[in-house]
């Protein structure tokens, strides 16, 4: 978990074990800061991951994701 007091920009957290690789988050991200991993998770899905910078904190990925708890947007 991230300490919100140290954030200077929004942060996107994707739980690779909950992600099923549907790529809906990629389709709605206006900044294209989400990609799909080449590695498989324990359920044999290629999970999405945050590229590490430039998230604007809009939350569209959170709302598009059908898996509860897979995506979390943390704002400063």
Protein backbone atom coordinates (compact mmCIF):
# COMPACT_ATOMS: atom_id res chain seq x y z
CA UNK A 1 0.00 0.00 0.00
CA UNK A 2 1.20 3.50 -0.78
CA UNK A 3 1.48 6.30 1.78
CA UNK A 4 -0.64 9.13 0.34
CA UNK A 5 1.36 11.83 2.13
CA UNK A 6 4.42 11.18 -0.07
CA UNK A 7 2.63 11.29 -3.42
CA UNK A 8 3.09 14.25 -5.74
CA UNK A 9 1.09 12.79 -8.64
CA UNK A 10 -1.65 10.16 -8.96
CA UNK A 11 -0.58 6.54 -8.75
CA UNK A 12 -2.17 3.54 -10.37
CA UNK A 13 -1.93 0.16 -8.65
CA UNK A 14 -2.94 -3.03 -10.47
CA UNK A 15 -3.03 -6.33 -8.58
CA UNK A 16 -1.58 -8.82 -11.07
CA UNK A 17 -3.22 -11.77 -9.31
CA UNK A 18 -6.72 -10.28 -9.64
CA UNK A 19 -6.30 -9.05 -13.21
CA UNK A 20 -7.66 -11.36 -15.92
CA UNK A 21 -6.07 -9.51 -18.83
CA UNK A 22 -9.31 -8.33 -20.43
CA UNK A 23 -7.58 -5.09 -21.51
CA UNK A 24 -10.63 -2.92 -20.86
CA UNK A 25 -8.43 -0.60 -18.79
CA UNK A 26 -6.07 -0.13 -21.74
CA UNK A 27 -8.97 0.81 -23.99
CA UNK A 28 -10.22 3.62 -21.72
CA UNK A 29 -6.92 5.08 -20.48
CA UNK A 30 -6.56 8.57 -22.01
CA UNK A 31 -2.83 8.71 -21.21
CA UNK A 32 -1.94 5.16 -22.38
CA UNK A 33 -0.04 4.40 -19.17
CA UNK A 34 -1.21 0.77 -18.90
CA UNK A 35 0.31 -2.21 -20.70
CA UNK A 36 -0.10 -5.98 -20.68
CA UNK A 37 2.60 -8.16 -19.17
CA UNK A 38 4.35 -10.93 -21.10
CA UNK A 39 4.35 -12.95 -17.88
CA UNK A 40 1.45 -15.06 -16.67
CA UNK A 41 -0.13 -14.72 -13.24
CA UNK A 42 -1.05 -17.76 -11.12
CA UNK A 43 -4.34 -18.08 -13.04
CA UNK A 44 -2.54 -18.13 -16.41
CA UNK A 45 -3.65 -14.64 -17.47
CA UNK A 46 -1.42 -11.92 -18.86
CA UNK A 47 -2.18 -9.13 -16.35
CA UNK A 48 -2.14 -5.42 -17.02
CA UNK A 49 0.43 -3.24 -15.30
CA UNK A 50 1.09 0.47 -14.79
CA UNK A 51 3.99 1.83 -16.82
CA UNK A 52 5.03 3.93 -13.83
CA UNK A 53 4.42 7.56 -14.75
CA UNK A 54 1.97 10.10 -16.14
CA UNK A 55 -1.30 8.78 -14.65
CA UNK A 56 -3.72 11.70 -14.35
CA UNK A 57 -5.91 9.96 -11.75
CA UNK A 58 -9.10 10.05 -13.83
CA UNK A 59 -10.20 6.60 -12.61
CA UNK A 60 -11.59 5.43 -15.94
CA UNK A 61 -9.56 2.22 -15.67
CA UNK A 62 -11.00 1.57 -12.21
CA UNK A 63 -14.58 1.93 -13.47
CA UNK A 64 -13.94 -0.13 -16.62
CA UNK A 65 -12.40 -3.05 -14.73
CA UNK A 66 -14.85 -5.92 -14.12
CA UNK A 67 -12.67 -7.46 -11.37
CA UNK A 68 -13.34 -5.93 -7.93
CA UNK A 69 -10.13 -4.80 -6.28
CA UNK A 70 -7.87 -5.36 -9.29
CA UNK A 71 -7.26 -1.65 -9.92
CA UNK A 72 -6.76 1.13 -7.42
CA UNK A 73 -6.12 4.80 -8.18
CA UNK A 74 -4.38 6.74 -5.41
CA UNK A 75 -4.44 10.52 -5.60
CA UNK A 76 -2.09 12.85 -3.72
